[in-house]
């Protein structure tokens, strides 16, 4: 039985609304978001097409490992001005 908080990280394709990557993690560190991103990148069916990753300004999305993976895959980064990713 699980107890305590858990954090769900989702990477969603804006066009299809399909969840491309997901990870349930016990803390809000970059590990959960990074696992979801790796899953989403592995699920890409059209790698040559450009991608934009849009998020709020959460620390996990600005972490060196996370941004580095996005940049290494040629993904453009977009972050909100006010912390609301919509």
N, C-alpha and C. Protein backbone atom coordinates (compact mmCIF):
# COMPACT_ATOMS: atom_id res chain seq x y z
N UNK A 1 0.83 -1.19 0.00
CA UNK A 1 0.00 0.00 0.00
C UNK A 1 0.87 1.25 0.00
N UNK A 2 0.54 2.17 -0.86
CA UNK A 2 1.27 3.43 -0.95
C UNK A 2 0.69 4.45 0.02
N UNK A 3 1.55 5.32 0.51
CA UNK A 3 1.08 6.40 1.35
C UNK A 3 1.87 7.66 1.03
N UNK A 4 1.33 8.81 1.38
CA UNK A 4 2.02 10.06 1.12
C UNK A 4 1.66 10.63 -0.24
N UNK A 5 2.39 11.65 -0.60
CA UNK A 5 2.16 12.35 -1.86
C UNK A 5 2.82 11.64 -3.03
N UNK A 6 2.22 11.79 -4.19
CA UNK A 6 2.81 11.35 -5.46
C UNK A 6 2.57 12.45 -6.48
N UNK A 7 3.47 12.55 -7.45
CA UNK A 7 3.39 13.59 -8.47
C UNK A 7 3.35 12.93 -9.84
N UNK A 8 2.36 13.31 -10.62
CA UNK A 8 2.18 12.76 -11.95
C UNK A 8 2.69 13.76 -12.98
N UNK A 9 3.65 13.34 -13.78
CA UNK A 9 4.17 14.15 -14.87
C UNK A 9 3.64 13.59 -16.17
N UNK A 10 3.05 14.46 -16.97
CA UNK A 10 2.49 14.06 -18.26
C UNK A 10 3.07 14.93 -19.37
N UNK A 11 3.39 14.31 -20.49
CA UNK A 11 3.77 15.02 -21.70
C UNK A 11 2.65 14.74 -22.70
N UNK A 12 1.96 15.80 -23.11
CA UNK A 12 0.79 15.67 -23.96
C UNK A 12 1.04 16.33 -25.31
N UNK A 13 0.62 15.66 -26.37
CA UNK A 13 0.68 16.23 -27.71
C UNK A 13 -0.51 17.17 -27.87
N UNK A 14 -0.24 18.44 -28.13
CA UNK A 14 -1.31 19.44 -28.23
C UNK A 14 -2.28 19.14 -29.37
N UNK A 15 -1.76 18.65 -30.49
CA UNK A 15 -2.60 18.41 -31.66
C UNK A 15 -3.57 17.24 -31.44
N UNK A 16 -3.04 16.11 -31.02
CA UNK A 16 -3.87 14.90 -30.88
C UNK A 16 -4.46 14.74 -29.48
N UNK A 17 -3.94 15.47 -28.52
CA UNK A 17 -4.31 15.35 -27.10
C UNK A 17 -3.90 14.00 -26.51
N UNK A 18 -3.06 13.30 -27.19
CA UNK A 18 -2.58 12.01 -26.71
C UNK A 18 -1.48 12.23 -25.67
N UNK A 19 -1.53 11.44 -24.61
CA UNK A 19 -0.46 11.47 -23.62
C UNK A 19 0.70 10.66 -24.17
N UNK A 20 1.82 11.33 -24.40
CA UNK A 20 2.99 10.71 -25.02
C UNK A 20 3.96 10.15 -23.99
N UNK A 21 3.95 10.70 -22.78
CA UNK A 21 4.83 10.23 -21.72
C UNK A 21 4.19 10.48 -20.38
N UNK A 22 4.42 9.57 -19.44
CA UNK A 22 3.83 9.71 -18.10
C UNK A 22 4.74 9.06 -17.07
N UNK A 23 4.79 9.67 -15.89
CA UNK A 23 5.55 9.10 -14.80
C UNK A 23 4.93 9.53 -13.47
N UNK A 24 4.67 8.58 -12.60
CA UNK A 24 4.22 8.85 -11.24
C UNK A 24 5.43 8.71 -10.34
N UNK A 25 5.75 9.78 -9.61
CA UNK A 25 6.99 9.81 -8.83
C UNK A 25 6.70 10.31 -7.42
N UNK A 26 7.46 9.86 -6.44
CA UNK A 26 7.18 10.26 -5.05
C UNK A 26 7.58 11.68 -4.70
N UNK A 27 8.36 12.35 -5.55
CA UNK A 27 8.72 13.74 -5.25
C UNK A 27 8.67 14.57 -6.52
N UNK A 28 8.82 15.86 -6.36
CA UNK A 28 8.69 16.79 -7.48
C UNK A 28 10.04 17.13 -8.10
N UNK A 29 11.00 16.25 -7.93
CA UNK A 29 12.33 16.48 -8.53
C UNK A 29 12.25 16.28 -10.04
N UNK A 30 13.36 16.54 -10.69
CA UNK A 30 13.42 16.41 -12.15
C UNK A 30 13.31 14.94 -12.59
N UNK A 31 13.54 13.99 -11.73
CA UNK A 31 13.55 12.57 -12.15
C UNK A 31 12.23 12.13 -12.76
N UNK A 32 11.11 12.54 -12.18
CA UNK A 32 9.81 12.14 -12.72
C UNK A 32 9.51 12.79 -14.05
N UNK A 33 9.77 14.09 -14.14
CA UNK A 33 9.51 14.79 -15.39
C UNK A 33 10.46 14.32 -16.50
N UNK A 34 11.68 14.02 -16.13
CA UNK A 34 12.66 13.53 -17.10
C UNK A 34 12.25 12.16 -17.64
N UNK A 35 11.75 11.29 -16.78
CA UNK A 35 11.29 9.97 -17.22
C UNK A 35 10.11 10.10 -18.19
N UNK A 36 9.18 11.01 -17.90
CA UNK A 36 8.05 11.23 -18.79
C UNK A 36 8.52 11.78 -20.14
N UNK A 37 9.47 12.70 -20.10
CA UNK A 37 10.00 13.27 -21.35
C UNK A 37 10.72 12.20 -22.17
N UNK A 38 11.53 11.38 -21.54
CA UNK A 38 12.23 10.32 -22.26
C UNK A 38 11.25 9.36 -22.92
N UNK A 39 10.18 9.04 -22.22
CA UNK A 39 9.15 8.16 -22.78
C UNK A 39 8.48 8.83 -23.99
N UNK A 40 8.18 10.11 -23.87
CA UNK A 40 7.54 10.83 -24.98
C UNK A 40 8.45 10.91 -26.19
N UNK A 41 9.71 11.19 -25.97
CA UNK A 41 10.65 11.27 -27.10
C UNK A 41 10.81 9.91 -27.78
N UNK A 42 10.82 8.85 -27.01
CA UNK A 42 10.93 7.50 -27.57
C UNK A 42 9.68 7.11 -28.36
N UNK A 43 8.55 7.70 -28.03
CA UNK A 43 7.28 7.37 -28.70
C UNK A 43 7.05 8.17 -29.97
N UNK A 44 7.95 9.07 -30.30
CA UNK A 44 7.76 9.89 -31.50
C UNK A 44 7.70 9.03 -32.75
N UNK A 45 6.73 9.33 -33.59
CA UNK A 45 6.61 8.59 -34.85
C UNK A 45 7.13 9.40 -36.03
N UNK A 46 7.33 10.70 -35.84
CA UNK A 46 7.82 11.56 -36.91
C UNK A 46 8.95 12.44 -36.40
N UNK A 47 10.09 11.85 -36.04
CA UNK A 47 11.19 12.63 -35.48
C UNK A 47 11.66 13.81 -36.31
N UNK A 48 11.60 13.79 -37.65
CA UNK A 48 12.12 14.95 -38.38
C UNK A 48 11.30 16.24 -38.17
N UNK A 49 10.08 16.13 -37.72
CA UNK A 49 9.24 17.31 -37.56
C UNK A 49 9.67 18.09 -36.31
N UNK A 50 9.65 19.42 -36.41
CA UNK A 50 10.06 20.23 -35.26
C UNK A 50 9.05 20.14 -34.12
N UNK A 51 9.57 20.20 -32.90
CA UNK A 51 8.73 20.16 -31.71
C UNK A 51 8.93 21.42 -30.88
N UNK A 52 7.87 21.80 -30.16
CA UNK A 52 7.96 22.86 -29.18
C UNK A 52 7.48 22.27 -27.86
N UNK A 53 8.27 22.43 -26.82
CA UNK A 53 7.90 21.97 -25.48
C UNK A 53 7.46 23.19 -24.68
N UNK A 54 6.18 23.22 -24.29
CA UNK A 54 5.64 24.35 -23.55
C UNK A 54 5.31 23.92 -22.12
N UNK A 55 5.75 24.71 -21.15
CA UNK A 55 5.50 24.37 -19.75
C UNK A 55 5.38 25.64 -18.92
N UNK A 56 5.05 25.44 -17.66
CA UNK A 56 5.13 26.56 -16.73
C UNK A 56 6.60 26.72 -16.33
N UNK A 57 6.88 27.58 -15.40
CA UNK A 57 8.26 27.87 -15.02
C UNK A 57 8.71 27.05 -13.81
N UNK A 58 8.18 25.84 -13.68
CA UNK A 58 8.57 24.97 -12.59
C UNK A 58 10.05 24.62 -12.65
N UNK A 59 10.65 24.47 -11.48
CA UNK A 59 12.09 24.17 -11.42
C UNK A 59 12.46 22.89 -12.15
N UNK A 60 11.56 21.90 -12.13
CA UNK A 60 11.87 20.64 -12.81
C UNK A 60 11.98 20.82 -14.32
N UNK A 61 11.25 21.79 -14.89
CA UNK A 61 11.31 22.03 -16.34
C UNK A 61 12.49 22.91 -16.74
N UNK A 62 13.09 23.56 -15.77
CA UNK A 62 14.27 24.40 -16.03
C UNK A 62 15.56 23.70 -15.60
N UNK A 63 15.46 22.49 -15.08
CA UNK A 63 16.63 21.75 -14.62
C UNK A 63 17.59 21.48 -15.79
N UNK A 64 18.85 21.50 -15.49
CA UNK A 64 19.89 21.31 -16.51
C UNK A 64 19.69 20.03 -17.31
N UNK A 65 19.40 18.92 -16.63
CA UNK A 65 19.22 17.63 -17.34
C UNK A 65 18.02 17.68 -18.28
N UNK A 66 16.94 18.30 -17.83
CA UNK A 66 15.71 18.36 -18.62
C UNK A 66 15.91 19.23 -19.86
N UNK A 67 16.41 20.43 -19.65
CA UNK A 67 16.66 21.35 -20.77
C UNK A 67 17.70 20.77 -21.72
N UNK A 68 18.73 20.13 -21.16
CA UNK A 68 19.76 19.52 -21.99
C UNK A 68 19.22 18.44 -22.91
N UNK A 69 18.31 17.62 -22.38
CA UNK A 69 17.71 16.57 -23.22
C UNK A 69 16.87 17.20 -24.33
N UNK A 70 16.07 18.21 -23.99
CA UNK A 70 15.28 18.88 -25.02
C UNK A 70 16.18 19.47 -26.11
N UNK A 71 17.22 20.17 -25.70
CA UNK A 71 18.13 20.79 -26.67
C UNK A 71 18.84 19.75 -27.52
N UNK A 72 19.25 18.64 -26.90
CA UNK A 72 19.95 17.60 -27.67
C UNK A 72 19.06 16.95 -28.72
N UNK A 73 17.75 17.04 -28.53
CA UNK A 73 16.79 16.47 -29.48
C UNK A 73 16.26 17.53 -30.45
N UNK A 74 16.77 18.75 -30.35
CA UNK A 74 16.33 19.82 -31.25
C UNK A 74 14.95 20.36 -30.94
N UNK A 75 14.50 20.21 -29.70
CA UNK A 75 13.17 20.66 -29.30
C UNK A 75 13.26 22.11 -28.82
N UNK A 76 12.40 22.97 -29.36
CA UNK A 76 12.36 24.37 -28.93
C UNK A 76 11.64 24.46 -27.59
N UNK A 77 12.13 25.34 -26.72
CA UNK A 77 11.54 25.51 -25.40
C UNK A 77 10.65 26.74 -25.37
N UNK A 78 9.53 26.61 -24.69
CA UNK A 78 8.60 27.71 -24.49
C UNK A 78 8.11 27.63 -23.06
N UNK A 79 8.19 28.76 -22.34
CA UNK A 79 7.70 28.80 -20.96
C UNK A 79 6.77 29.99 -20.80
N UNK A 80 5.78 29.82 -19.94
CA UNK A 80 4.81 30.87 -19.71
C UNK A 80 5.43 32.05 -18.98
N UNK A 81 4.76 33.16 -19.04
CA UNK A 81 5.20 34.36 -18.32
C UNK A 81 4.75 34.32 -16.87
N UNK A 82 3.60 33.71 -16.59
CA UNK A 82 3.02 33.82 -15.25
C UNK A 82 2.87 32.49 -14.53
N UNK A 83 3.44 31.43 -15.01
CA UNK A 83 3.38 30.15 -14.32
C UNK A 83 2.20 29.29 -14.66
N UNK A 84 1.31 29.73 -15.54
CA UNK A 84 0.14 28.94 -15.95
C UNK A 84 0.39 28.43 -17.37
N UNK A 85 0.56 27.11 -17.56
CA UNK A 85 0.96 26.59 -18.87
C UNK A 85 -0.12 26.63 -19.95
N UNK A 86 -1.30 27.17 -19.68
CA UNK A 86 -2.35 27.19 -20.70
C UNK A 86 -2.29 28.43 -21.54
